[in-house]
Amino acid sequence: MVRLVYRIAGYFGSLLLLISTYAYLYQWGMAVLEGEPRTWFQALEVVFHSMTTTGYGQDAPWETPEMTLLMMLIQVTGISYIFVAVPLFVIPWLQTILQPTPPEHVNELENHVIIVGYTDLCETLVGELEASGTPYAILEADEDRARRLHEDGLTVLHGDPATDDALDAAQLEDASAVVVDGAEHEFVRAVLAIEDHDPEATVFVLITDPSRARYFRYAGVDEVLSPKHRLGKALGDRVRDVVDSDLGDELELGEAFDVVEFLVDPDADLFGETVASSRRLEETGATILGAWIRGDFVTTLSERVRIDQNTALLVVGSESELEAVADATGTTGHRYRTAADPVVVIGAGLVGRSAYGTLERAGLETVVVDREAGDHVDVVGDATTEETLLEAGIEDAETLIVALETDDDAILTALTARALTPDLEIIVGANTAESVAALRAAGVDYVLALPNVAGRMILRRVFEQEVMTLGDRLQLRSTDAAALVGDELSSAKIRRETGCSIVALERNGGLHSAVDGMRFGADDRLVIAGTDREVGRFREAYGG
């Protein structure tokens, strides 16, 4: 708006100067060249007539070529000014009128999340808040950016987050949490204002440079979150074992049934639905053991979280059941792999170092590759080349983790690695969600995008959601259940009471996956899946 005012002032200032100059030239020309003196006001009238192309009045035609040329110049200049005026300020002025003004107030909110600043890191967070019905308000100081967010349908307030008026408009006292997106701007003044306005406010800050974290801690925030650090840890966690199978001598994983990870194709009906809705895949007879959700493995399938390109479902079932799941998800899936080393880590930046640390704590052998020498770097070179990857021992590796600064280099590295070792498991941390599809096309098995990790990280803090820790594993167990003898089985009831999922019923050497309604016999056994704590609850409730 300010720029438009300056344009209008410059336009009319130059126009008035030009009209005055033309009036003096016309007055001089009529007196000297034509021999018919005119007053300055009469000259001004003729100039107006000519510039607006409404006519020349009583003075036309002129005898001298000099006056004719002057009048032609005046007319061309007038037409030019008219045409220049339309794009210069008429169209911007109309756009200003027609564009929706970003609001400075919102309806009454309660238990909402205030987002200060908005970058790609918060995009997933907003999507999850909307999906779960949690109210939110984005507080944005830049008017143009606030307008764009408002036009995109987001709940946004235009105001300086470092002012009391803006914080009052965002209803800070009634908010459940404040998320400060410090990826582009530090917002230290805003954090100080929030702490001063409401010392009880729960404040989380997202940063990309961990060296700046201490300033926010000094300012009194509850927690400083580093999405890049979390992305690296999630990549390392993706390699670790999450399933511990002990089915006894009668059963063996991979024969009677198998465990497979399925991504969900964007064209599948399940894509975009809540993670909890994936339970309907169990109508095939298979069992959903859990899901990888943006770097976290969870066994409780939430109604708050929606299935996206960073979601992988861990499913157990027979061959025919898993084929039915593949049809429903639109992907072939790949067999669950137990953790094995060595693991090659490409990149020794913040993400790569975090992945390396996670693998080291899990006791897995790693080989770190980077363009520059440094701590824990085993091979120095360009990972997009065959020579560097071969030097890193990729032919003997079980898994490749790519944690590079640019997604273009990650794509080239994945293409090269897949060409060298077709059976290698490749896991990539992407900087933008837009790169996920290209990385999948390059042969990557699992992609985790930084914005999705950031959104998931905040949700876990705000809603205190639980995930499996490094030491936890999902137990697959074959057990008896004396307390169930003679009862009709109900998978939903057992899951509700213990948290365990019923994978199958063992009877007379055979396996039955559709157990609901079957009466449990004294010689029967159940194959169950759950964490240590959940399996313990099952045994307390039903024996075994």
Protein backbone atom coordinates (compact mmCIF):
# COMPACT_ATOMS: atom_id res chain seq x y z
CA MET A 1 0.00 0.00 0.00
CA VAL A 2 2.86 2.38 0.82
CA ARG A 3 4.50 1.67 -2.53
CA LEU A 4 1.22 2.45 -4.30
CA VAL A 5 1.01 5.85 -2.58
CA TYR A 6 4.56 6.68 -3.71
CA ARG A 7 3.68 5.64 -7.26
CA ILE A 8 0.61 7.88 -7.32
CA ALA A 9 2.60 10.83 -5.93
CA GLY A 10 5.36 10.38 -8.53
CA TYR A 11 2.86 9.97 -11.35
CA PHE A 12 0.82 13.08 -10.64
CA GLY A 13 3.90 15.15 -9.75
CA SER A 14 5.55 14.40 -13.08
CA LEU A 15 2.26 14.95 -14.92
CA LEU A 16 1.73 18.40 -13.44
CA LEU A 17 5.32 19.36 -14.23
CA LEU A 18 4.94 18.18 -17.81
CA ILE A 19 1.61 20.02 -18.30
CA SER A 20 3.11 23.26 -16.98
CA THR A 21 6.15 22.91 -19.25
CA TYR A 22 3.97 22.24 -22.28
CA ALA A 23 1.78 25.27 -21.44
CA TYR A 24 4.80 27.60 -21.38
CA LEU A 25 6.15 26.09 -24.61
CA TYR A 26 2.77 26.48 -26.30
CA GLN A 27 2.43 30.08 -25.10
CA TRP A 28 5.91 30.88 -26.46
CA GLY A 29 5.32 29.08 -29.78
CA MET A 30 2.03 30.82 -30.46
CA ALA A 31 3.58 34.23 -29.82
CA VAL A 32 6.92 33.72 -31.61
CA LEU A 33 6.19 31.15 -34.32
CA GLU A 34 2.51 31.71 -35.12
CA GLY A 35 2.30 35.44 -34.29
CA GLU A 36 -0.90 34.91 -32.25
CA PRO A 37 -0.15 35.51 -28.57
CA ARG A 38 -2.09 33.55 -25.96
CA THR A 39 -2.29 33.88 -22.20
CA TRP A 40 -0.81 31.10 -20.11
CA PHE A 41 -4.27 29.87 -19.06
CA GLN A 42 -5.38 29.75 -22.72
CA ALA A 43 -2.23 27.73 -23.49
CA LEU A 44 -3.01 25.42 -20.54
CA GLU A 45 -6.50 24.79 -21.91
CA VAL A 46 -5.14 23.76 -25.31
CA VAL A 47 -2.56 21.46 -23.69
CA PHE A 48 -5.34 19.76 -21.71
CA HIS A 49 -7.40 19.32 -24.86
CA SER A 50 -4.47 17.80 -26.70
CA MET A 51 -3.24 15.48 -23.94
CA THR A 52 -6.72 14.10 -23.33
CA THR A 53 -7.35 13.86 -27.11
CA THR A 54 -10.63 15.79 -26.79
CA GLY A 55 -9.72 18.36 -29.48
CA TYR A 56 -7.69 21.50 -30.09
CA GLY A 57 -10.31 24.24 -29.97
CA GLN A 58 -10.03 27.43 -32.00
CA ASP A 59 -6.24 27.34 -32.55
CA ALA A 60 -6.13 24.45 -35.02
CA PRO A 61 -4.60 24.18 -37.56
CA TRP A 62 -1.11 25.63 -37.05
CA GLU A 63 0.95 27.22 -39.76
CA THR A 64 4.49 26.29 -38.70
CA PRO A 65 5.88 22.73 -38.63
CA GLU A 66 7.46 23.39 -35.24
CA MET A 67 4.07 23.97 -33.61
CA THR A 68 2.60 20.94 -35.39
CA LEU A 69 5.42 18.75 -34.02
CA LEU A 70 4.89 20.21 -30.53
CA MET A 71 1.18 19.35 -30.65
CA MET A 72 1.96 15.82 -31.86
CA LEU A 73 4.39 15.40 -28.94
CA ILE A 74 1.82 16.68 -26.48
CA GLN A 75 -0.79 14.25 -27.82
CA VAL A 76 1.54 11.20 -27.76
CA THR A 77 2.66 12.08 -24.24
CA GLY A 78 -0.94 12.36 -23.05
CA ILE A 79 -1.90 8.97 -24.50
CA SER A 80 1.23 7.41 -22.96
CA TYR A 81 0.41 8.77 -19.53
CA ILE A 82 -3.11 7.37 -19.77
CA PHE A 83 -1.84 3.88 -20.67
CA VAL A 84 0.91 4.02 -18.01
CA ALA A 85 -1.63 4.97 -15.35
CA VAL A 86 -3.60 1.70 -15.72
CA PRO A 87 -0.86 -0.81 -14.72
CA LEU A 88 0.95 1.68 -12.50
CA PHE A 89 -1.76 2.32 -9.95
CA VAL A 90 -5.28 1.65 -11.26
CA ILE A 91 -4.83 -2.14 -11.29
CA PRO A 92 -2.89 -2.23 -7.98
CA TRP A 93 -5.56 0.00 -6.44
CA LEU A 94 -8.33 -2.33 -7.61
CA GLN A 95 -6.36 -5.32 -6.32
CA THR A 96 -6.03 -3.63 -2.96
CA ILE A 97 -9.79 -3.11 -2.83
CA LEU A 98 -10.65 -6.63 -3.97
CA GLN A 99 -8.00 -8.49 -1.96
CA PRO A 100 -9.20 -9.70 1.43
CA THR A 101 -7.57 -7.83 4.27
CA PRO A 102 -5.84 -10.14 6.78
CA PRO A 103 -7.85 -10.00 9.99
CA GLU A 104 -6.49 -8.39 13.13
CA HIS A 105 -8.98 -10.22 15.34
CA VAL A 106 -10.43 -13.74 15.39
CA ASN A 107 -13.43 -15.31 17.06
CA GLU A 108 -13.16 -16.44 20.63
CA LEU A 109 -10.67 -19.30 20.98
CA GLU A 110 -9.84 -21.65 23.81
CA ASN A 111 -7.17 -24.34 24.24
CA HIS A 112 -5.77 -23.31 20.89
CA VAL A 113 -2.24 -23.28 19.54
CA ILE A 114 -0.67 -19.94 18.58
CA ILE A 115 1.92 -20.12 15.79
CA VAL A 116 4.31 -17.18 15.62
CA GLY A 117 5.78 -17.00 12.14
CA TYR A 118 5.01 -19.58 9.49
CA THR A 119 7.40 -21.55 7.28
CA ASP A 120 7.36 -25.00 5.71
CA LEU A 121 8.31 -26.43 9.11
CA CYS A 122 4.87 -25.57 10.47
CA GLU A 123 2.87 -26.66 7.42
CA THR A 124 2.42 -30.22 8.68
CA LEU A 125 1.58 -28.97 12.17
CA VAL A 126 -1.28 -26.85 10.83
CA GLY A 127 -2.58 -29.76 8.78
CA GLU A 128 -2.61 -32.05 11.81
CA LEU A 129 -4.27 -29.42 13.99
CA GLU A 130 -7.00 -28.98 11.40
CA ALA A 131 -7.43 -32.73 11.05
CA SER A 132 -7.84 -33.18 14.81
CA GLY A 133 -10.16 -30.20 15.19
CA THR A 134 -7.70 -28.31 17.39
CA PRO A 135 -8.10 -24.53 16.94
CA TYR A 136 -5.05 -22.47 16.07
CA ALA A 137 -4.07 -18.95 15.07
CA ILE A 138 -1.03 -17.88 13.05
CA LEU A 139 0.37 -14.54 14.19
CA GLU A 140 2.15 -12.91 11.26
CA ALA A 141 3.69 -9.43 11.26
CA ASP A 142 4.15 -9.13 7.48
CA GLU A 143 0.91 -7.91 5.88
CA ASP A 144 1.50 -9.45 2.44
CA ARG A 145 2.41 -12.80 3.93
CA ALA A 146 -0.56 -12.68 6.29
CA ARG A 147 -2.82 -11.93 3.34
CA ARG A 148 -1.48 -14.91 1.36
CA LEU A 149 -2.01 -17.24 4.31
CA HIS A 150 -5.50 -15.84 4.80
CA GLU A 151 -6.31 -16.40 1.12
CA ASP A 152 -5.08 -20.00 1.48
CA GLY A 153 -7.78 -20.55 4.07
CA LEU A 154 -5.59 -20.55 7.18
CA THR A 155 -6.56 -18.88 10.44
CA VAL A 156 -4.18 -15.94 10.56
CA LEU A 157 -3.87 -12.69 12.49
CA HIS A 158 -1.96 -9.72 11.14
CA GLY A 159 0.02 -8.19 13.97
CA ASP A 160 3.45 -7.84 15.55
CA PRO A 161 3.88 -10.77 17.97
CA ALA A 162 6.11 -8.58 20.14
CA THR A 163 3.20 -6.26 21.00
CA ASP A 164 0.54 -6.65 23.68
CA ASP A 165 -2.25 -5.78 21.24
CA ALA A 166 -1.37 -8.68 18.94
CA LEU A 167 -0.99 -11.12 21.83
CA ASP A 168 -4.35 -10.03 23.23
CA ALA A 169 -5.94 -10.51 19.79
CA ALA A 170 -4.45 -14.02 19.67
CA GLN A 171 -5.96 -14.67 23.14
CA LEU A 172 -2.65 -15.80 24.61
CA GLU A 173 -4.04 -16.44 28.10
CA ASP A 174 -6.45 -19.09 26.76
CA ALA A 175 -3.92 -20.86 24.51
CA SER A 176 -2.66 -24.37 25.28
CA ALA A 177 0.72 -23.68 23.66
CA VAL A 178 2.69 -21.18 21.60
CA VAL A 179 4.91 -22.42 18.78
CA VAL A 180 7.54 -19.97 17.56
CA ASP A 181 8.90 -20.88 14.12
CA GLY A 182 12.42 -19.52 14.27
CA ALA A 183 13.59 -21.05 10.99
CA GLU A 184 13.76 -17.69 9.17
CA HIS A 185 13.57 -15.13 11.99
CA GLU A 186 14.65 -15.56 15.57
CA PHE A 187 11.69 -13.79 17.18
CA VAL A 188 13.61 -13.27 20.43
CA ARG A 189 11.70 -10.03 21.06
CA ALA A 190 8.44 -11.88 20.49
CA VAL A 191 9.43 -14.60 22.97
CA LEU A 192 10.30 -11.97 25.59
CA ALA A 193 6.96 -10.25 24.99
CA ILE A 194 5.08 -13.55 25.35
CA GLU A 195 6.84 -14.43 28.59
CA ASP A 196 6.19 -10.96 29.95
CA HIS A 197 2.54 -10.96 28.85
CA ASP A 198 1.78 -14.42 30.25
CA PRO A 199 4.53 -16.06 32.34
CA GLU A 200 2.48 -19.28 32.49
CA ALA A 201 2.36 -19.70 28.70
CA THR A 202 3.84 -22.92 27.30
CA VAL A 203 6.27 -21.85 24.58
CA PHE A 204 8.10 -24.07 22.07
CA VAL A 205 10.66 -22.69 19.62
CA LEU A 206 11.74 -24.33 16.35
CA ILE A 207 15.32 -23.58 15.29
CA THR A 208 17.59 -24.69 12.46
CA ASP A 209 20.85 -23.53 14.08
CA PRO A 210 21.34 -25.25 17.46
CA SER A 211 24.02 -22.72 18.45
CA ARG A 212 21.23 -20.12 18.86
CA ALA A 213 19.19 -22.29 21.20
CA ARG A 214 20.69 -20.88 24.38
CA TYR A 215 19.30 -17.40 23.71
CA PHE A 216 15.76 -18.72 23.69
CA ARG A 217 16.44 -20.69 26.83
CA TYR A 218 17.74 -17.52 28.46
CA ALA A 219 14.47 -15.87 27.40
CA GLY A 220 12.54 -18.50 29.35
CA VAL A 221 10.95 -20.77 26.70
CA ASP A 222 9.81 -24.21 27.81
CA GLU A 223 11.63 -26.14 25.10
CA VAL A 224 13.80 -25.43 22.07
CA LEU A 225 13.27 -27.97 19.28
CA SER A 226 15.73 -28.77 16.51
CA PRO A 227 13.92 -30.50 13.60
CA LYS A 228 17.21 -31.38 11.88
CA HIS A 229 18.47 -33.14 14.98
CA ARG A 230 15.16 -34.99 15.24
CA LEU A 231 15.28 -35.91 11.53
CA GLY A 232 18.71 -37.52 12.01
CA LYS A 233 17.51 -39.46 15.02
CA ALA A 234 14.42 -40.61 13.11
CA LEU A 235 16.59 -41.87 10.24
CA GLY A 236 18.70 -43.84 12.71
CA ASP A 237 15.62 -45.17 14.50
CA ARG A 238 14.29 -46.40 11.16
CA VAL A 239 17.14 -48.93 11.02
CA ARG A 240 16.70 -50.34 14.52
CA ASP A 241 14.62 -53.39 15.35
CA VAL A 242 11.02 -52.70 16.30
CA VAL A 243 9.81 -56.32 16.16
CA ASP A 244 11.08 -59.16 18.36
CA SER A 245 9.69 -62.50 17.23
CA ASP A 246 9.63 -65.51 19.57
CA LEU A 247 7.01 -67.92 18.27
CA GLY A 248 8.42 -71.18 19.61
CA ASP A 249 9.39 -74.27 17.65
CA GLU A 250 6.09 -74.74 15.84
CA LEU A 251 5.98 -71.42 14.03
CA GLU A 252 8.57 -69.44 12.12
CA LEU A 253 8.22 -65.92 10.83
CA GLY A 254 8.31 -65.89 7.04
CA GLU A 255 6.67 -69.29 6.60
CA ALA A 256 3.21 -69.32 8.16
CA PHE A 257 2.99 -65.55 7.97
CA ASP A 258 5.25 -62.59 7.41
CA VAL A 259 5.73 -58.97 8.47
CA VAL A 260 5.68 -56.39 5.67
CA GLU A 261 5.91 -52.59 5.59
CA PHE A 262 3.48 -50.81 3.28
CA LEU A 263 3.56 -47.22 2.14
CA VAL A 264 0.23 -45.82 0.96
CA ASP A 265 -0.07 -44.59 -2.61
CA PRO A 266 -1.49 -41.04 -2.93
CA ASP A 267 -4.18 -42.42 -5.25
CA ALA A 268 -5.33 -45.03 -2.73
CA ASP A 269 -8.56 -44.44 -0.82
CA LEU A 270 -6.68 -44.76 2.45
CA PHE A 271 -4.34 -41.85 1.69
CA GLY A 272 -5.31 -38.77 3.68
CA GLU A 273 -7.49 -40.76 6.08
CA THR A 274 -6.69 -40.97 9.78
CA VAL A 275 -4.09 -43.54 10.80
CA ALA A 276 -6.76 -45.19 12.94
CA SER A 277 -8.81 -45.85 9.80
CA SER A 278 -6.06 -48.20 8.57
CA ARG A 279 -7.61 -50.77 10.94
CA ARG A 280 -10.09 -51.53 8.20
CA LEU A 281 -7.24 -53.31 6.41
CA GLU A 282 -7.68 -55.99 9.06
CA GLU A 283 -10.82 -57.03 7.22
CA THR A 284 -8.39 -58.88 4.93
CA GLY A 285 -7.37 -61.07 7.87
CA ALA A 286 -4.02 -59.31 8.30
CA THR A 287 -3.14 -57.42 11.48
CA ILE A 288 -1.78 -53.87 11.74
CA LEU A 289 1.10 -54.05 14.20
CA GLY A 290 1.87 -50.34 14.13
CA ALA A 291 2.98 -47.53 11.89
CA TRP A 292 5.99 -45.37 11.19
CA ILE A 293 4.62 -41.83 11.41
CA ARG A 294 7.12 -39.17 10.36
CA GLY A 295 10.01 -40.89 12.09
CA ASP A 296 8.17 -42.32 15.11
CA PHE A 297 7.03 -45.90 15.44
CA VAL A 298 3.65 -46.09 17.18
CA THR A 299 1.41 -48.99 18.07
CA THR A 300 -1.55 -46.80 19.02
CA LEU A 301 -3.14 -45.67 15.76
CA SER A 302 -4.32 -42.13 16.34
CA GLU A 303 -7.42 -40.33 15.13
CA ARG A 304 -5.40 -37.09 15.20
CA VAL A 305 -2.84 -38.06 12.56
CA ARG A 306 -3.53 -38.58 8.87
CA ILE A 307 -1.79 -40.98 6.50
CA ASP A 308 0.60 -39.22 4.15
CA GLN A 309 3.69 -39.92 2.10
CA ASN A 310 5.79 -40.28 5.28
CA THR A 311 3.58 -43.02 6.76
CA ALA A 312 4.49 -46.72 6.60
CA LEU A 313 2.18 -49.40 7.98
CA LEU A 314 3.70 -52.49 9.59
CA VAL A 315 1.41 -55.43 8.79
CA VAL A 316 1.57 -59.13 9.67
CA GLY A 317 -0.37 -61.78 7.77
CA SER A 318 -0.33 -64.68 5.38
CA GLU A 319 0.70 -64.33 1.76
CA SER A 320 -2.87 -63.98 0.49
CA GLU A 321 -3.76 -61.49 3.24
CA LEU A 322 -0.72 -59.35 2.50
CA GLU A 323 -1.60 -59.37 -1.20
CA ALA A 324 -5.02 -57.97 -0.30
CA VAL A 325 -3.35 -55.25 1.79
CA ALA A 326 -1.07 -54.42 -1.15
CA ASP A 327 -4.13 -53.93 -3.35
CA ALA A 328 -5.73 -51.63 -0.78
CA THR A 329 -2.61 -49.49 -0.24
CA GLY A 330 -1.59 -49.40 -3.88
CA THR A 331 1.99 -50.43 -3.05
CA THR A 332 3.81 -53.75 -3.09
CA GLY A 333 5.45 -53.23 0.30
CA HIS A 334 8.74 -54.73 1.35
CA ARG A 335 9.50 -57.38 3.92
CA TYR A 336 10.43 -56.13 7.36
CA ARG A 337 14.16 -56.31 7.92
CA THR A 338 15.82 -56.82 11.26
CA ALA A 339 18.64 -54.43 12.08
CA ALA A 340 21.92 -55.43 10.47
CA ASP A 341 25.22 -53.70 9.90
CA PRO A 342 27.24 -52.14 8.47
CA VAL A 343 25.17 -49.02 7.79
CA VAL A 344 26.60 -46.38 5.44
CA VAL A 345 25.70 -42.80 6.42
CA ILE A 346 26.09 -40.15 3.71
CA GLY A 347 26.61 -36.68 5.18
CA ALA A 348 28.23 -35.51 8.40
CA GLY A 349 26.13 -32.40 8.96
CA LEU A 350 23.70 -32.02 11.83
CA VAL A 351 21.28 -34.61 10.40
CA GLY A 352 24.02 -37.11 9.58
CA ARG A 353 25.74 -36.74 12.97
CA SER A 354 22.45 -37.30 14.75
CA ALA A 355 21.77 -40.44 12.69
CA TYR A 356 25.27 -41.71 13.40
CA GLY A 357 24.83 -41.15 17.15
CA THR A 358 21.54 -43.07 17.16
CA LEU A 359 23.11 -46.01 15.33
CA GLU A 360 26.12 -45.98 17.63
CA ARG A 361 23.89 -46.18 20.70
CA ALA A 362 22.09 -49.12 19.10
CA GLY A 363 25.43 -50.91 18.72
CA LEU A 364 25.44 -50.91 14.91
CA GLU A 365 28.61 -50.57 12.86
CA THR A 366 28.60 -47.47 10.66
CA VAL A 367 30.65 -45.96 7.86
CA VAL A 368 30.28 -42.18 7.53
CA VAL A 369 30.92 -40.44 4.18
CA ASP A 370 31.31 -36.69 3.71
CA ARG A 371 32.93 -34.27 1.29
CA GLU A 372 35.16 -32.92 4.06
CA ALA A 373 37.21 -34.64 6.75
CA GLY A 374 35.90 -34.40 10.29
CA ASP A 375 34.99 -36.28 13.45
CA HIS A 376 33.66 -39.78 12.73
CA VAL A 377 34.10 -39.31 8.96
CA ASP A 378 35.50 -42.57 7.55
CA VAL A 379 35.49 -41.80 3.83
CA VAL A 380 36.05 -38.38 2.27
CA GLY A 381 34.55 -37.91 -1.17
CA ASP A 382 31.55 -37.14 -3.34
CA ALA A 383 28.82 -39.66 -2.55
CA THR A 384 27.16 -39.12 -5.93
CA THR A 385 30.07 -41.00 -7.55
CA GLU A 386 30.52 -44.76 -7.78
CA GLU A 387 34.11 -44.60 -6.55
CA THR A 388 33.19 -43.01 -3.20
CA LEU A 389 30.29 -45.37 -2.54
CA LEU A 390 32.40 -48.43 -3.37
CA GLU A 391 35.17 -47.15 -1.10
CA ALA A 392 32.57 -46.86 1.69
CA GLY A 393 31.76 -50.56 1.24
CA ILE A 394 28.25 -50.12 -0.09
CA GLU A 395 28.31 -53.58 -1.68
CA ASP A 396 28.57 -55.15 1.79
CA ALA A 397 26.22 -52.71 3.53
CA GLU A 398 22.71 -53.60 4.64
CA THR A 399 21.36 -50.05 4.75
CA LEU A 400 22.25 -46.65 3.28
CA ILE A 401 21.17 -43.48 5.10
CA VAL A 402 21.40 -40.29 3.03
CA ALA A 403 21.48 -37.04 5.03
CA LEU A 404 22.74 -34.38 2.62
CA GLU A 405 22.21 -30.63 2.56
CA THR A 406 20.51 -30.59 -0.85
CA ASP A 407 17.82 -32.91 -2.15
CA ASP A 408 19.32 -32.87 -5.65
CA ASP A 409 22.50 -34.49 -4.32
CA ALA A 410 20.37 -36.96 -2.36
CA ILE A 411 18.56 -37.99 -5.56
CA LEU A 412 21.84 -38.50 -7.43
CA THR A 413 23.30 -40.49 -4.54
CA ALA A 414 20.21 -42.72 -4.38
CA LEU A 415 20.30 -43.36 -8.13
CA THR A 416 23.97 -44.31 -7.99
CA ALA A 417 23.57 -46.51 -4.92
CA ARG A 418 20.57 -48.34 -6.39
CA ALA A 419 22.48 -49.01 -9.61
CA LEU A 420 25.41 -50.47 -7.64
CA THR A 421 23.37 -52.54 -5.14
CA PRO A 422 19.77 -53.30 -6.19
CA ASP A 423 18.88 -55.02 -2.88
CA LEU A 424 20.24 -52.27 -0.61
CA GLU A 425 17.78 -50.60 1.77
CA ILE A 426 17.96 -46.84 1.15
CA ILE A 427 16.61 -44.33 3.66
CA VAL A 428 16.74 -40.59 2.91
CA GLY A 429 16.11 -37.44 4.89
CA ALA A 430 14.64 -34.81 2.53
CA ASN A 431 14.77 -31.08 3.14
CA THR A 432 11.41 -30.39 1.46
CA ALA A 433 8.23 -32.40 1.12
CA GLU A 434 8.21 -31.64 -2.61
CA SER A 435 11.27 -33.89 -3.09
CA VAL A 436 9.66 -37.03 -1.69
CA ALA A 437 8.11 -38.18 -4.98
CA ALA A 438 11.37 -37.71 -6.91
CA LEU A 439 13.34 -39.62 -4.28
CA ARG A 440 10.85 -42.48 -4.38
CA ALA A 441 11.19 -42.57 -8.16
CA ALA A 442 14.97 -42.74 -7.70
CA GLY A 443 14.56 -46.03 -5.82
CA VAL A 444 14.51 -44.90 -2.21
CA ASP A 445 12.71 -47.29 0.16
CA TYR A 446 11.77 -44.74 2.80
CA VAL A 447 11.82 -40.92 2.71
CA LEU A 448 11.34 -38.66 5.69
CA ALA A 449 10.85 -34.94 4.99
CA LEU A 450 12.07 -32.29 7.42
CA PRO A 451 8.76 -30.31 7.56
CA ASN A 452 6.85 -33.49 8.46
CA VAL A 453 9.30 -34.29 11.25
CA ALA A 454 8.94 -30.76 12.63
CA GLY A 455 5.16 -30.96 12.68
CA ARG A 456 5.21 -34.38 14.33
CA MET A 457 7.73 -33.22 16.93
CA ILE A 458 5.53 -30.31 18.02
CA LEU A 459 2.41 -32.47 18.15
CA ARG A 460 4.17 -34.89 20.46
CA ARG A 461 5.15 -32.06 22.81
CA VAL A 462 1.81 -30.25 22.76
CA PHE A 463 -0.35 -33.35 23.15
CA GLU A 464 2.21 -35.43 25.09
CA GLN A 465 1.89 -38.38 22.72
CA GLU A 466 3.87 -41.53 23.46
CA VAL A 467 6.12 -43.37 21.04
CA MET A 468 8.33 -46.40 21.37
CA THR A 469 11.74 -45.65 22.84
CA LEU A 470 15.01 -47.12 21.56
CA GLY A 471 14.83 -49.99 24.03
CA ASP A 472 11.21 -50.90 23.26
CA ARG A 473 10.29 -53.58 20.77
CA LEU A 474 7.03 -54.96 19.51
CA GLN A 475 6.79 -58.53 20.75
CA LEU A 476 5.36 -61.32 18.57
CA ARG A 477 4.54 -64.15 20.93
CA SER A 478 2.76 -67.51 20.84
CA THR A 479 0.98 -68.01 24.14
CA ASP A 480 -1.78 -69.96 25.81
CA ALA A 481 -4.59 -68.16 27.62
CA ALA A 482 -6.25 -70.29 30.27
CA ALA A 483 -8.75 -67.58 31.24
CA LEU A 484 -10.15 -67.52 27.70
CA VAL A 485 -10.92 -71.24 27.44
CA GLY A 486 -14.55 -71.67 26.46
CA ASP A 487 -15.00 -67.97 25.56
CA GLU A 488 -15.72 -66.51 22.17
CA LEU A 489 -12.75 -64.45 21.02
CA SER A 490 -13.04 -60.72 20.36
CA SER A 491 -9.94 -59.00 18.95
CA ALA A 492 -11.31 -55.54 19.73
CA LYS A 493 -12.06 -56.44 23.36
CA ILE A 494 -8.61 -57.93 23.93
CA ARG A 495 -6.93 -54.93 22.29
CA ARG A 496 -9.01 -52.54 24.37
CA GLU A 497 -8.20 -54.31 27.65
CA THR A 498 -4.52 -55.13 27.11
CA GLY A 499 -3.29 -53.19 24.07
CA CYS A 500 -2.26 -56.45 22.36
CA SER A 501 -3.36 -57.37 18.85
CA ILE A 502 -4.44 -60.92 18.02
CA VAL A 503 -2.47 -62.04 14.97
CA ALA A 504 -3.80 -65.60 14.69
CA LEU A 505 -5.25 -68.59 16.53
CA GLU A 506 -3.19 -71.80 16.53
CA ARG A 507 -5.35 -74.92 16.42
CA ASN A 508 -4.36 -78.47 15.47
CA GLY A 509 -1.28 -77.30 13.62
CA GLY A 510 -3.17 -74.69 11.61
CA LEU A 511 -3.47 -70.92 11.82
CA HIS A 512 -6.70 -68.93 11.73
CA SER A 513 -6.50 -65.14 11.31
CA ALA A 514 -10.25 -64.44 11.45
CA VAL A 515 -10.61 -65.23 15.15
CA ASP A 516 -13.62 -63.13 16.10
CA GLY A 517 -16.47 -65.37 17.22
CA MET A 518 -14.31 -68.49 17.46
CA ARG A 519 -14.48 -70.31 20.81
CA PHE A 520 -11.07 -70.71 22.42
CA GLY A 521 -10.17 -74.31 23.29
CA ALA A 522 -7.93 -75.74 25.99
CA ASP A 523 -5.33 -76.86 23.43
CA ASP A 524 -5.44 -73.64 21.43
CA ARG A 525 -2.78 -70.94 21.45
CA LEU A 526 -2.84 -67.30 20.38
CA VAL A 527 -0.22 -65.39 18.43
CA ILE A 528 -0.25 -61.90 19.93
CA ALA A 529 1.62 -58.67 19.22
CA GLY A 530 2.34 -55.89 21.69
CA THR A 531 5.01 -54.11 23.67
CA ASP A 532 6.53 -55.72 26.77
CA ARG A 533 4.07 -53.84 28.94
CA GLU A 534 1.10 -54.84 26.79
CA VAL A 535 2.12 -58.49 26.65
CA GLY A 536 2.48 -58.37 30.43
CA ARG A 537 -1.07 -57.04 30.75
CA PHE A 538 -2.32 -59.84 28.50
CA ARG A 539 -0.69 -62.50 30.65
CA GLU A 540 -2.04 -60.94 33.83
CA ALA A 541 -5.55 -60.86 32.38
CA TYR A 542 -5.67 -64.22 30.61
CA GLY A 543 -2.73 -66.26 31.85
CA GLY A 544 -0.02 -67.63 29.60
